[in-house]
Amino acid sequence: MYAMLKFALEMSPSIRHINLNSMPKLLPRAQCFCVWAAPLPIPGLAESGYLTNEDVFDLEKLSASFVIIGGWPTGVELGQAFYRLGCQVTILEAQPWLLPQLDAEPCDGLFEILESEGLTLATNASVESVRRKNGRKVVAVRNGDALREFAAEQVFVAAGRKPNVEGLNLEGIGVQFDAQGIKVDDTMRTNVKNIFAAGDVIGGQYLTHLAAT
């Protein structure tokens, strides 16, 4: 309720008679953390600028080229779509095959199809850094002992994400979590009986339809 009133105050300048500091603290019977995940940190990525599924559809002009970090469903689907719209597309995946959550055999067939269409694909490709050079974004990739670079107008991040647990004060309230997210049981309950968690913050596959179930 406090957050809703604060939002109302920010959105409605005419409301000025509510003093949030004087409001009593509310103690709900149960609380639920429903928090999204953030892209994994890559050196130079933030400084160079990048797109994700959250803002790629806000582009007002289609870029000529994309380097897509991550060969998971979002990266593969949008990579093929961008290519068919006339863009040059490179998809980088750290695992040995695209869609690594699936069996390798059908994914090998997908690799051949995308490559035959004209997409540039690189597997076993671990992204080390991103930088700007001559108005383009250059992604440095380690492939075994070799270091390769791929340049494009845009970098689209569709790789792993990390649960957004910063700022939730989980340590202070005793909720257990680790690098994969908040720990919950089959009923989405944390180790603190009146606190639940759902969505990307509990880890797993970061797909919208899964986070909503």
N, C-alpha and C. Protein backbone atom coordinates (compact mmCIF):
# COMPACT_ATOMS: atom_id res chain seq x y z
N MET A 1 0.83 -1.20 0.00
CA MET A 1 0.00 0.00 0.00
C MET A 1 0.87 1.25 0.00
N TYR A 2 1.93 1.22 0.80
CA TYR A 2 2.83 2.37 0.85
C TYR A 2 3.38 2.68 -0.54
N ALA A 3 3.83 1.63 -1.25
CA ALA A 3 4.40 1.83 -2.59
C ALA A 3 3.35 2.37 -3.55
N MET A 4 2.11 1.90 -3.43
CA MET A 4 1.04 2.37 -4.32
C MET A 4 0.74 3.84 -4.08
N LEU A 5 0.72 4.25 -2.82
CA LEU A 5 0.48 5.66 -2.51
C LEU A 5 1.63 6.53 -3.00
N LYS A 6 2.85 6.04 -2.84
CA LYS A 6 4.01 6.78 -3.31
C LYS A 6 3.94 6.98 -4.82
N PHE A 7 3.55 5.92 -5.53
CA PHE A 7 3.41 6.02 -6.99
C PHE A 7 2.33 7.03 -7.36
N ALA A 8 1.20 6.99 -6.61
CA ALA A 8 0.12 7.93 -6.89
C ALA A 8 0.56 9.37 -6.70
N LEU A 9 1.36 9.61 -5.67
CA LEU A 9 1.86 10.96 -5.43
C LEU A 9 2.78 11.42 -6.56
N GLU A 10 3.62 10.50 -7.04
CA GLU A 10 4.54 10.88 -8.10
C GLU A 10 3.81 11.15 -9.41
N MET A 11 2.73 10.41 -9.67
CA MET A 11 2.01 10.54 -10.94
C MET A 11 0.94 11.63 -10.89
N SER A 12 0.54 12.06 -9.70
CA SER A 12 -0.53 13.06 -9.58
C SER A 12 -0.03 14.24 -8.75
N PRO A 13 0.55 15.25 -9.40
CA PRO A 13 1.10 16.40 -8.67
C PRO A 13 0.08 17.14 -7.82
N SER A 14 -1.21 17.00 -8.15
CA SER A 14 -2.24 17.73 -7.39
C SER A 14 -2.45 17.14 -6.00
N ILE A 15 -1.99 15.91 -5.78
CA ILE A 15 -2.15 15.28 -4.47
C ILE A 15 -0.97 15.69 -3.59
N ARG A 16 -1.28 16.41 -2.53
CA ARG A 16 -0.20 16.91 -1.67
C ARG A 16 -0.50 16.76 -0.18
N HIS A 17 -1.67 16.25 0.18
CA HIS A 17 -2.04 16.28 1.58
C HIS A 17 -1.76 14.98 2.32
N ILE A 18 -1.15 13.98 1.65
CA ILE A 18 -0.82 12.73 2.32
C ILE A 18 0.64 12.75 2.74
N ASN A 19 0.87 12.56 4.01
CA ASN A 19 2.23 12.50 4.54
C ASN A 19 2.60 11.03 4.73
N LEU A 20 3.40 10.50 3.81
CA LEU A 20 3.73 9.09 3.87
C LEU A 20 4.54 8.75 5.12
N ASN A 21 5.35 9.71 5.58
CA ASN A 21 6.19 9.44 6.76
C ASN A 21 5.37 9.25 8.02
N SER A 22 4.14 9.79 8.03
CA SER A 22 3.31 9.67 9.21
C SER A 22 2.44 8.42 9.19
N MET A 23 2.48 7.68 8.09
CA MET A 23 1.64 6.48 7.99
C MET A 23 2.18 5.37 8.88
N PRO A 24 1.31 4.59 9.49
CA PRO A 24 1.77 3.46 10.30
C PRO A 24 2.38 2.39 9.41
N LYS A 25 3.34 1.66 9.94
CA LYS A 25 3.95 0.57 9.22
C LYS A 25 2.97 -0.60 9.16
N LEU A 26 2.79 -1.17 7.96
CA LEU A 26 1.87 -2.28 7.79
C LEU A 26 2.63 -3.60 7.92
N LEU A 27 2.06 -4.54 8.64
CA LEU A 27 2.66 -5.84 8.83
C LEU A 27 1.76 -6.89 8.18
N PRO A 28 2.00 -7.23 6.91
CA PRO A 28 1.13 -8.19 6.23
C PRO A 28 1.31 -9.60 6.77
N ARG A 29 0.28 -10.41 6.59
CA ARG A 29 0.36 -11.80 7.02
C ARG A 29 1.36 -12.58 6.17
N ALA A 30 1.49 -12.20 4.91
CA ALA A 30 2.44 -12.87 4.02
C ALA A 30 2.97 -11.87 2.99
N GLN A 31 4.16 -12.12 2.51
CA GLN A 31 4.77 -11.28 1.49
C GLN A 31 5.27 -12.17 0.36
N CYS A 32 5.30 -11.62 -0.86
CA CYS A 32 5.79 -12.38 -2.00
C CYS A 32 6.72 -11.50 -2.83
N PHE A 33 7.94 -11.99 -3.08
CA PHE A 33 8.88 -11.30 -3.95
C PHE A 33 8.67 -11.80 -5.38
N CYS A 34 8.27 -10.92 -6.28
CA CYS A 34 8.13 -11.25 -7.70
C CYS A 34 9.04 -10.30 -8.47
N VAL A 35 10.27 -10.70 -8.66
CA VAL A 35 11.30 -9.80 -9.18
C VAL A 35 11.93 -10.41 -10.42
N TRP A 36 12.28 -9.56 -11.39
CA TRP A 36 12.87 -10.02 -12.64
C TRP A 36 14.35 -10.32 -12.45
N ALA A 37 14.98 -10.77 -13.55
CA ALA A 37 16.41 -11.04 -13.55
C ALA A 37 17.11 -10.02 -14.43
N ALA A 38 18.41 -9.85 -14.20
CA ALA A 38 19.21 -8.89 -14.96
C ALA A 38 20.25 -9.63 -15.80
N PRO A 39 20.69 -9.04 -16.93
CA PRO A 39 21.73 -9.69 -17.74
C PRO A 39 23.00 -9.92 -16.95
N LEU A 40 23.69 -11.01 -17.28
CA LEU A 40 24.95 -11.30 -16.63
C LEU A 40 25.98 -10.21 -16.96
N PRO A 41 26.84 -9.87 -16.02
CA PRO A 41 27.84 -8.82 -16.28
C PRO A 41 28.90 -9.28 -17.27
N ILE A 42 29.16 -8.47 -18.29
CA ILE A 42 30.22 -8.70 -19.26
C ILE A 42 31.06 -7.43 -19.34
N PRO A 43 32.37 -7.52 -19.19
CA PRO A 43 33.20 -6.31 -19.22
C PRO A 43 32.95 -5.46 -20.47
N GLY A 44 32.65 -4.18 -20.26
CA GLY A 44 32.45 -3.25 -21.36
C GLY A 44 31.06 -3.24 -21.94
N LEU A 45 30.21 -4.17 -21.53
CA LEU A 45 28.87 -4.26 -22.12
C LEU A 45 28.03 -3.03 -21.81
N ALA A 46 27.98 -2.64 -20.54
CA ALA A 46 27.16 -1.50 -20.15
C ALA A 46 27.65 -0.22 -20.81
N GLU A 47 28.97 -0.06 -20.89
CA GLU A 47 29.54 1.15 -21.49
C GLU A 47 29.30 1.21 -22.99
N SER A 48 29.27 0.06 -23.64
CA SER A 48 29.08 0.01 -25.09
C SER A 48 27.62 0.15 -25.48
N GLY A 49 26.73 -0.25 -24.58
CA GLY A 49 25.30 -0.22 -24.89
C GLY A 49 24.84 -1.53 -25.48
N TYR A 50 23.65 -1.96 -25.11
CA TYR A 50 23.14 -3.24 -25.59
C TYR A 50 21.62 -3.25 -25.53
N LEU A 51 21.03 -4.22 -26.20
CA LEU A 51 19.59 -4.42 -26.19
C LEU A 51 19.26 -5.74 -25.51
N THR A 52 18.06 -5.83 -24.94
CA THR A 52 17.54 -7.08 -24.42
C THR A 52 16.11 -7.24 -24.91
N ASN A 53 15.46 -8.31 -24.49
CA ASN A 53 14.06 -8.51 -24.88
C ASN A 53 13.16 -7.43 -24.31
N GLU A 54 13.65 -6.67 -23.32
CA GLU A 54 12.83 -5.63 -22.71
C GLU A 54 12.74 -4.37 -23.56
N ASP A 55 13.75 -4.12 -24.41
CA ASP A 55 13.73 -2.86 -25.17
C ASP A 55 14.00 -3.01 -26.66
N VAL A 56 14.27 -4.22 -27.13
CA VAL A 56 14.58 -4.38 -28.55
C VAL A 56 13.42 -3.97 -29.45
N PHE A 57 12.19 -4.15 -28.96
CA PHE A 57 11.04 -3.81 -29.78
C PHE A 57 10.72 -2.31 -29.75
N ASP A 58 11.51 -1.55 -29.01
CA ASP A 58 11.36 -0.09 -29.00
C ASP A 58 12.17 0.58 -30.10
N LEU A 59 12.97 -0.19 -30.82
CA LEU A 59 13.77 0.38 -31.89
C LEU A 59 12.87 1.04 -32.94
N GLU A 60 13.15 2.28 -33.28
CA GLU A 60 12.37 2.97 -34.30
C GLU A 60 12.94 2.75 -35.70
N LYS A 61 14.20 2.33 -35.77
CA LYS A 61 14.84 2.06 -37.05
C LYS A 61 15.60 0.75 -36.94
N LEU A 62 15.45 -0.10 -37.95
CA LEU A 62 16.12 -1.39 -37.93
C LEU A 62 17.61 -1.21 -38.20
N SER A 63 18.43 -1.76 -37.32
CA SER A 63 19.88 -1.66 -37.49
C SER A 63 20.35 -2.62 -38.59
N ALA A 64 21.49 -2.30 -39.19
CA ALA A 64 21.99 -3.11 -40.30
C ALA A 64 22.56 -4.44 -39.84
N SER A 65 23.04 -4.50 -38.60
CA SER A 65 23.70 -5.73 -38.14
C SER A 65 23.54 -5.91 -36.64
N PHE A 66 23.51 -7.18 -36.23
CA PHE A 66 23.36 -7.54 -34.82
C PHE A 66 24.35 -8.64 -34.47
N VAL A 67 24.96 -8.52 -33.32
CA VAL A 67 25.62 -9.66 -32.67
C VAL A 67 24.73 -10.05 -31.51
N ILE A 68 24.29 -11.29 -31.52
CA ILE A 68 23.38 -11.79 -30.47
C ILE A 68 24.18 -12.69 -29.54
N ILE A 69 24.24 -12.31 -28.28
CA ILE A 69 24.95 -13.10 -27.27
C ILE A 69 23.95 -14.05 -26.63
N GLY A 70 24.06 -15.33 -26.97
CA GLY A 70 23.15 -16.32 -26.42
C GLY A 70 22.33 -17.01 -27.48
N GLY A 71 22.53 -18.32 -27.61
CA GLY A 71 21.78 -19.09 -28.60
C GLY A 71 20.63 -19.87 -27.97
N TRP A 72 19.94 -19.24 -27.03
CA TRP A 72 18.76 -19.83 -26.42
C TRP A 72 17.54 -19.40 -27.21
N PRO A 73 16.33 -19.79 -26.83
CA PRO A 73 15.16 -19.52 -27.68
C PRO A 73 15.01 -18.07 -28.13
N THR A 74 15.16 -17.12 -27.21
CA THR A 74 14.97 -15.72 -27.58
C THR A 74 16.00 -15.28 -28.62
N GLY A 75 17.25 -15.65 -28.41
CA GLY A 75 18.30 -15.25 -29.33
C GLY A 75 18.12 -15.86 -30.71
N VAL A 76 17.76 -17.15 -30.76
CA VAL A 76 17.59 -17.83 -32.04
C VAL A 76 16.38 -17.28 -32.79
N GLU A 77 15.26 -17.13 -32.09
CA GLU A 77 14.04 -16.64 -32.74
C GLU A 77 14.23 -15.24 -33.31
N LEU A 78 14.75 -14.33 -32.48
CA LEU A 78 14.92 -12.95 -32.95
C LEU A 78 16.06 -12.85 -33.95
N GLY A 79 17.09 -13.69 -33.81
CA GLY A 79 18.17 -13.68 -34.78
C GLY A 79 17.67 -14.02 -36.17
N GLN A 80 16.87 -15.06 -36.27
CA GLN A 80 16.32 -15.44 -37.57
C GLN A 80 15.38 -14.36 -38.10
N ALA A 81 14.59 -13.77 -37.20
CA ALA A 81 13.67 -12.71 -37.62
C ALA A 81 14.43 -11.50 -38.15
N PHE A 82 15.47 -11.06 -37.44
CA PHE A 82 16.27 -9.93 -37.89
C PHE A 82 16.92 -10.22 -39.25
N TYR A 83 17.43 -11.44 -39.40
CA TYR A 83 18.07 -11.79 -40.67
C TYR A 83 17.06 -11.73 -41.82
N ARG A 84 15.87 -12.23 -41.60
CA ARG A 84 14.86 -12.22 -42.66
C ARG A 84 14.32 -10.83 -42.95
N LEU A 85 14.58 -9.90 -42.02
CA LEU A 85 14.23 -8.50 -42.26
C LEU A 85 15.36 -7.75 -42.97
N GLY A 86 16.45 -8.46 -43.25
CA GLY A 86 17.52 -7.85 -44.02
C GLY A 86 18.78 -7.49 -43.25
N CYS A 87 18.87 -7.90 -42.00
CA CYS A 87 20.04 -7.57 -41.18
C CYS A 87 21.10 -8.66 -41.28
N GLN A 88 22.35 -8.28 -41.05
CA GLN A 88 23.41 -9.25 -40.86
C GLN A 88 23.36 -9.69 -39.40
N VAL A 89 23.38 -11.00 -39.18
CA VAL A 89 23.19 -11.52 -37.81
C VAL A 89 24.27 -12.54 -37.47
N THR A 90 24.85 -12.37 -36.29
CA THR A 90 25.78 -13.34 -35.72
C THR A 90 25.22 -13.79 -34.37
N ILE A 91 25.12 -15.09 -34.16
CA ILE A 91 24.66 -15.62 -32.88
C ILE A 91 25.82 -16.34 -32.20
N LEU A 92 26.10 -15.95 -30.96
CA LEU A 92 27.19 -16.54 -30.18
C LEU A 92 26.62 -17.35 -29.03
N GLU A 93 27.04 -18.59 -28.90
CA GLU A 93 26.57 -19.45 -27.82
C GLU A 93 27.76 -20.12 -27.14
N ALA A 94 27.80 -20.05 -25.82
CA ALA A 94 28.93 -20.59 -25.05
C ALA A 94 28.92 -22.12 -25.00
N GLN A 95 27.75 -22.74 -25.16
CA GLN A 95 27.66 -24.20 -25.11
C GLN A 95 27.97 -24.81 -26.48
N PRO A 96 28.12 -26.14 -26.54
CA PRO A 96 28.51 -26.76 -27.82
C PRO A 96 27.45 -26.69 -28.91
N TRP A 97 26.19 -26.43 -28.58
CA TRP A 97 25.16 -26.33 -29.62
C TRP A 97 24.13 -25.28 -29.23
N LEU A 98 23.39 -24.81 -30.23
CA LEU A 98 22.30 -23.88 -29.98
C LEU A 98 21.20 -24.57 -29.19
N LEU A 99 20.39 -23.77 -28.49
CA LEU A 99 19.33 -24.30 -27.63
C LEU A 99 19.88 -25.41 -26.72
N PRO A 100 20.86 -25.09 -25.89
CA PRO A 100 21.55 -26.13 -25.10
C PRO A 100 20.68 -26.83 -24.07
N GLN A 101 19.47 -26.28 -23.82
CA GLN A 101 18.58 -26.97 -22.89
C GLN A 101 17.92 -28.18 -23.54
N LEU A 102 18.09 -28.34 -24.86
CA LEU A 102 17.52 -29.46 -25.60
C LEU A 102 18.62 -30.45 -25.98
N ASP A 103 18.21 -31.61 -26.51
CA ASP A 103 19.18 -32.60 -26.97
C ASP A 103 19.95 -32.07 -28.17
N ALA A 104 21.16 -32.55 -28.31
CA ALA A 104 22.04 -32.02 -29.35
C ALA A 104 21.59 -32.36 -30.76
N GLU A 105 21.05 -33.57 -30.98
CA GLU A 105 20.77 -34.02 -32.35
C GLU A 105 19.81 -33.11 -33.11
N PRO A 106 18.62 -32.80 -32.58
CA PRO A 106 17.74 -31.89 -33.33
C PRO A 106 18.32 -30.48 -33.45
N CYS A 107 19.12 -30.07 -32.48
CA CYS A 107 19.71 -28.74 -32.52
C CYS A 107 20.79 -28.64 -33.59
N ASP A 108 21.45 -29.76 -33.90
CA ASP A 108 22.41 -29.76 -35.00
C ASP A 108 21.70 -29.46 -36.31
N GLY A 109 20.51 -30.01 -36.48
CA GLY A 109 19.72 -29.72 -37.67
C GLY A 109 19.34 -28.26 -37.75
N LEU A 110 18.99 -27.67 -36.61
CA LEU A 110 18.66 -26.24 -36.57
C LEU A 110 19.87 -25.40 -36.96
N PHE A 111 21.04 -25.78 -36.46
CA PHE A 111 22.28 -25.07 -36.79
C PHE A 111 22.48 -25.04 -38.31
N GLU A 112 22.30 -26.21 -38.95
CA GLU A 112 22.50 -26.30 -40.40
C GLU A 112 21.50 -25.44 -41.15
N ILE A 113 20.25 -25.40 -40.69
CA ILE A 113 19.22 -24.60 -41.35
C ILE A 113 19.56 -23.12 -41.26
N LEU A 114 19.89 -22.66 -40.07
CA LEU A 114 20.19 -21.24 -39.89
C LEU A 114 21.44 -20.84 -40.67
N GLU A 115 22.43 -21.71 -40.66
CA GLU A 115 23.67 -21.41 -41.38
C GLU A 115 23.41 -21.36 -42.89
N SER A 116 22.56 -22.25 -43.38
CA SER A 116 22.24 -22.26 -44.81
C SER A 116 21.46 -21.02 -45.22
N GLU A 117 20.71 -20.44 -44.28
CA GLU A 117 19.97 -19.22 -44.57
C GLU A 117 20.90 -18.01 -44.66
N GLY A 118 22.07 -18.09 -44.02
CA GLY A 118 23.02 -17.00 -44.10
C GLY A 118 23.44 -16.39 -42.78
N LEU A 119 22.91 -16.89 -41.66
CA LEU A 119 23.33 -16.38 -40.36
C LEU A 119 24.74 -16.87 -40.03
N THR A 120 25.49 -16.05 -39.31
CA THR A 120 26.80 -16.46 -38.81
C THR A 120 26.61 -17.02 -37.41
N LEU A 121 27.09 -18.24 -37.19
CA LEU A 121 26.88 -18.92 -35.91
C LEU A 121 28.21 -19.34 -35.32
N ALA A 122 28.36 -19.19 -34.01
CA ALA A 122 29.57 -19.62 -33.32
C ALA A 122 29.17 -20.25 -31.99
N THR A 123 29.50 -21.54 -31.82
CA THR A 123 29.25 -22.23 -30.56
C THR A 123 30.59 -22.41 -29.83
N ASN A 124 30.50 -22.87 -28.58
CA ASN A 124 31.70 -22.94 -27.72
C ASN A 124 32.39 -21.57 -27.69
N ALA A 125 31.58 -20.54 -27.74
CA ALA A 125 32.09 -19.17 -27.84
C ALA A 125 31.79 -18.43 -26.54
N SER A 126 32.80 -18.23 -25.73
CA SER A 126 32.64 -17.55 -24.44
C SER A 126 32.97 -16.06 -24.61
N VAL A 127 31.98 -15.21 -24.37
CA VAL A 127 32.18 -13.77 -24.54
C VAL A 127 33.06 -13.22 -23.43
N GLU A 128 34.13 -12.53 -23.80
CA GLU A 128 35.06 -11.98 -22.82
C GLU A 128 34.85 -10.49 -22.59
N SER A 129 34.48 -9.75 -23.64
CA SER A 129 34.34 -8.31 -23.47
C SER A 129 33.60 -7.72 -24.66
N VAL A 130 33.14 -6.47 -24.46
CA VAL A 130 32.51 -5.71 -25.54
C VAL A 130 33.12 -4.31 -25.51
N ARG A 131 33.37 -3.76 -26.69
CA ARG A 131 33.91 -2.40 -26.75
C ARG A 131 33.37 -1.71 -28.01
N ARG A 132 33.51 -0.40 -28.04
CA ARG A 132 33.14 0.38 -29.22
C ARG A 132 34.39 0.66 -30.07
N LYS A 133 34.22 0.57 -31.39
CA LYS A 133 35.32 0.87 -32.31
C LYS A 133 34.73 1.34 -33.63
N ASN A 134 35.11 2.56 -34.03
CA ASN A 134 34.67 3.13 -35.30
C ASN A 134 33.14 3.11 -35.45
N GLY A 135 32.46 3.45 -34.37
CA GLY A 135 31.02 3.55 -34.42
C GLY A 135 30.28 2.22 -34.34
N ARG A 136 31.02 1.14 -34.19
CA ARG A 136 30.39 -0.18 -34.08
C ARG A 136 30.74 -0.81 -32.73
N LYS A 137 30.04 -1.87 -32.39
CA LYS A 137 30.28 -2.57 -31.14
C LYS A 137 30.99 -3.88 -31.47
N VAL A 138 32.11 -4.10 -30.80
CA VAL A 138 32.96 -5.26 -31.07
C VAL A 138 32.89 -6.22 -29.88
N VAL A 139 32.51 -7.46 -30.16
CA VAL A 139 32.40 -8.48 -29.12
C VAL A 139 33.58 -9.43 -29.26
N ALA A 140 34.37 -9.52 -28.20
CA ALA A 140 35.53 -10.42 -28.18
C ALA A 140 35.11 -11.76 -27.58
N VAL A 141 35.44 -12.83 -28.28
CA VAL A 141 34.98 -14.16 -27.90
C VAL A 141 36.16 -15.11 -27.81
N ARG A 142 36.20 -15.90 -26.75
CA ARG A 142 37.22 -16.93 -26.59
C ARG A 142 36.65 -18.26 -27.06
N ASN A 143 37.36 -18.89 -28.02
CA ASN A 143 36.95 -20.19 -28.55
C ASN A 143 38.14 -21.12 -28.45
N GLY A 144 38.22 -21.85 -27.34
CA GLY A 144 39.41 -22.64 -27.08
C GLY A 144 40.59 -21.70 -26.80
N ASP A 145 41.66 -21.87 -27.57
CA ASP A 145 42.82 -20.99 -27.42
C ASP A 145 42.72 -19.76 -28.32
N ALA A 146 41.72 -19.74 -29.19
CA ALA A 146 41.61 -18.65 -30.16
C ALA A 146 40.72 -17.52 -29.63
N LEU A 147 41.09 -16.30 -29.96
CA LEU A 147 40.29 -15.13 -29.63
C LEU A 147 39.75 -14.54 -30.92
N ARG A 148 38.43 -14.47 -31.04
CA ARG A 148 37.80 -13.94 -32.24
C ARG A 148 37.01 -12.69 -31.88
N GLU A 149 36.79 -11.85 -32.89
CA GLU A 149 36.01 -10.63 -32.67
C GLU A 149 34.91 -10.53 -33.72
N PHE A 150 33.73 -10.09 -33.26
CA PHE A 150 32.59 -9.90 -34.13
C PHE A 150 32.07 -8.49 -33.92
N ALA A 151 31.87 -7.75 -35.01
CA ALA A 151 31.43 -6.36 -34.91
C ALA A 151 30.05 -6.19 -35.52
N ALA A 152 29.26 -5.27 -34.96
CA ALA A 152 27.92 -4.99 -35.47
C ALA A 152 27.46 -3.65 -34.94
N GLU A 153 26.35 -3.16 -35.50
CA GLU A 153 25.77 -1.92 -35.00
C GLU A 153 25.14 -2.11 -33.62
N GLN A 154 24.56 -3.29 -33.40
CA GLN A 154 23.86 -3.54 -32.14
C GLN A 154 24.32 -4.85 -31.53
N VAL A 155 24.35 -4.86 -30.21
CA VAL A 155 24.55 -6.10 -29.45
C VAL A 155 23.25 -6.41 -28.73
N PHE A 156 22.73 -7.60 -28.97
CA PHE A 156 21.51 -8.04 -28.32
C PHE A 156 21.86 -9.16 -27.35
N VAL A 157 21.55 -8.97 -26.08
CA VAL A 157 21.91 -9.95 -25.04
C VAL A 157 20.74 -10.88 -24.77
N ALA A 158 20.93 -12.14 -25.12
CA ALA A 158 19.90 -13.15 -24.87
C ALA A 158 20.53 -14.35 -24.18
N ALA A 159 21.58 -14.08 -23.42
CA ALA A 159 22.29 -15.16 -22.72
C ALA A 159 21.74 -15.29 -21.31
N GLY A 160 22.55 -15.86 -20.45
CA GLY A 160 22.11 -16.06 -19.08
C GLY A 160 21.83 -14.77 -18.35
N ARG A 161 20.99 -14.84 -17.35
CA ARG A 161 20.65 -13.71 -16.51
C ARG A 161 20.87 -14.11 -15.06
N LYS A 162 20.92 -13.11 -14.21
CA LYS A 162 21.08 -13.40 -12.78
C LYS A 162 19.89 -12.85 -12.02
N PRO A 163 19.44 -13.58 -11.00
CA PRO A 163 18.30 -13.09 -10.20
C PRO A 163 18.59 -11.73 -9.58
N ASN A 164 17.62 -10.84 -9.63
CA ASN A 164 17.78 -9.48 -9.12
C ASN A 164 17.46 -9.45 -7.63
N VAL A 165 18.40 -9.92 -6.80
CA VAL A 165 18.16 -9.97 -5.36
C VAL A 165 18.74 -8.78 -4.62
N GLU A 166 19.52 -7.95 -5.34
CA GLU A 166 20.13 -6.81 -4.67
C GLU A 166 19.06 -5.84 -4.18
N GLY A 167 19.25 -5.32 -2.98
CA GLY A 167 18.33 -4.33 -2.45
C GLY A 167 17.10 -4.88 -1.77
N LEU A 168 16.95 -6.21 -1.73
CA LEU A 168 15.78 -6.81 -1.09
C LEU A 168 16.00 -7.07 0.40
N ASN A 169 17.23 -6.89 0.86
CA ASN A 169 17.56 -7.11 2.28
C ASN A 169 17.21 -8.52 2.72
N LEU A 170 17.50 -9.51 1.88
CA LEU A 170 17.16 -10.89 2.20
C LEU A 170 17.93 -11.39 3.41
N GLU A 171 19.18 -10.95 3.52
CA GLU A 171 19.95 -11.36 4.70
C GLU A 171 19.31 -10.84 5.97
N GLY A 172 18.82 -9.61 5.93
CA GLY A 172 18.23 -9.00 7.12
C GLY A 172 16.97 -9.70 7.61
N ILE A 173 16.20 -10.28 6.67
CA ILE A 173 14.96 -10.94 7.07
C ILE A 173 15.12 -12.46 7.13
N GLY A 174 16.33 -12.94 6.87
CA GLY A 174 16.62 -14.36 7.05
C GLY A 174 16.19 -15.26 5.91
N VAL A 175 15.94 -14.71 4.72
CA VAL A 175 15.52 -15.54 3.58
C VAL A 175 16.77 -16.12 2.90
N GLN A 176 16.75 -17.42 2.66
CA GLN A 176 17.89 -18.10 2.07
C GLN A 176 17.92 -17.89 0.55
N PHE A 177 19.11 -17.61 0.01
CA PHE A 177 19.28 -17.45 -1.43
C PHE A 177 20.74 -17.71 -1.77
N ASP A 178 21.00 -17.91 -3.06
CA ASP A 178 22.38 -18.05 -3.53
C ASP A 178 22.47 -17.43 -4.92
N ALA A 179 23.51 -17.76 -5.66
CA ALA A 179 23.72 -17.14 -6.98
C ALA A 179 22.61 -17.50 -7.96
N GLN A 180 21.90 -18.61 -7.71
CA GLN A 180 20.82 -19.03 -8.61
C GLN A 180 19.46 -18.41 -8.24
N GLY A 181 19.38 -17.76 -7.09
CA GLY A 181 18.13 -17.10 -6.72
C GLY A 181 17.65 -17.46 -5.32
N ILE A 182 16.44 -17.02 -5.02
CA ILE A 182 15.83 -17.31 -3.72
C ILE A 182 15.38 -18.77 -3.68
N LYS A 183 15.63 -19.41 -2.58
CA LYS A 183 15.26 -20.82 -2.42
C LYS A 183 13.79 -20.93 -2.00
N VAL A 184 13.02 -21.73 -2.75
CA VAL A 184 11.61 -21.94 -2.43
C VAL A 184 11.28 -23.43 -2.52
N ASP A 185 10.15 -23.80 -1.89
CA ASP A 185 9.68 -25.19 -1.99
C ASP A 185 8.64 -25.29 -3.11
N ASP A 186 7.90 -26.40 -3.16
CA ASP A 186 6.94 -26.62 -4.24
C ASP A 186 5.76 -25.65 -4.19
N THR A 187 5.57 -25.00 -3.05
CA THR A 187 4.47 -24.03 -2.92
C THR A 187 4.96 -22.60 -3.05
N MET A 188 6.22 -22.43 -3.47
CA MET A 188 6.85 -21.12 -3.65
C MET A 188 7.15 -20.43 -2.33
N ARG A 189 7.13 -21.18 -1.24
CA ARG A 189 7.42 -20.63 0.09
C ARG A 189 8.92 -20.68 0.35
N THR A 190 9.46 -19.60 0.92
CA THR A 190 10.86 -19.58 1.30
C THR A 190 11.02 -20.26 2.65
N ASN A 191 12.23 -20.23 3.19
CA ASN A 191 12.45 -20.82 4.51
C ASN A 191 11.79 -20.00 5.62
N VAL A 192 11.39 -18.76 5.33
CA VAL A 192 10.60 -17.95 6.27
C VAL A 192 9.13 -18.17 5.91
N LYS A 193 8.36 -18.75 6.81
CA LYS A 193 7.06 -19.34 6.46
C LYS A 193 6.06 -18.38 5.85
N ASN A 194 6.15 -17.08 6.16
CA ASN A 194 5.17 -16.14 5.61
C ASN A 194 5.72 -15.32 4.44
N ILE A 195 6.83 -15.77 3.87
CA ILE A 195 7.42 -15.07 2.72
C ILE A 195 7.54 -16.04 1.55
N PHE A 196 7.01 -15.62 0.40
CA PHE A 196 7.02 -16.42 -0.81
C PHE A 196 7.82 -15.69 -1.89
N ALA A 197 8.20 -16.40 -2.94
CA ALA A 197 8.90 -15.78 -4.06
C ALA A 197 8.46 -16.46 -5.35
N ALA A 198 8.45 -15.70 -6.45
CA ALA A 198 8.02 -16.23 -7.74
C ALA A 198 8.69 -15.45 -8.86
N GLY A 199 8.71 -16.04 -10.03
CA GLY A 199 9.28 -15.36 -11.19
C GLY A 199 10.77 -15.61 -11.34
N ASP A 200 11.44 -14.71 -12.05
CA ASP A 200 12.86 -14.88 -12.35
C ASP A 200 13.73 -14.94 -11.11
N VAL A 201 13.28 -14.34 -10.01
CA VAL A 201 14.11 -14.23 -8.82
C VAL A 201 14.38 -15.59 -8.17
N ILE A 202 13.64 -16.65 -8.56
CA ILE A 202 13.89 -17.97 -7.99
C ILE A 202 14.76 -18.82 -8.91
N GLY A 203 15.25 -18.23 -10.02
CA GLY A 203 16.12 -18.96 -10.93
C GLY A 203 15.36 -19.81 -11.91
N GLY A 204 16.03 -20.79 -12.51
CA GLY A 204 15.41 -21.63 -13.54
C GLY A 204 15.58 -21.01 -14.92
N GLN A 205 14.67 -21.36 -15.83
CA GLN A 205 14.72 -20.80 -17.18
C GLN A 205 14.01 -19.45 -17.19
N TYR A 206 14.70 -18.42 -17.67
CA TYR A 206 14.15 -17.07 -17.64
C TYR A 206 13.31 -16.80 -18.88
N LEU A 207 12.13 -17.41 -18.90
CA LEU A 207 11.17 -17.23 -19.99
C LEU A 207 9.88 -16.67 -19.41
N THR A 208 9.29 -15.74 -20.12
CA THR A 208 8.11 -15.03 -19.59
C THR A 208 6.99 -15.99 -19.20
N HIS A 209 6.69 -16.94 -20.08
CA HIS A 209 5.57 -17.83 -19.79
C HIS A 209 5.84 -18.75 -18.61
N LEU A 210 7.12 -19.04 -18.32
CA LEU A 210 7.45 -19.84 -17.15
C LEU A 210 7.39 -18.99 -15.89
N ALA A 211 7.88 -17.76 -15.97
CA ALA A 211 7.87 -16.88 -14.80
C ALA A 211 6.46 -16.57 -14.35
N ALA A 212 5.49 -16.61 -15.29
CA ALA A 212 4.12 -16.26 -14.98
C ALA A 212 3.31 -17.43 -14.46
N THR A 213 3.89 -18.64 -14.48
CA THR A 213 3.13 -19.81 -14.04
C THR A 213 3.45 -20.14 -12.59
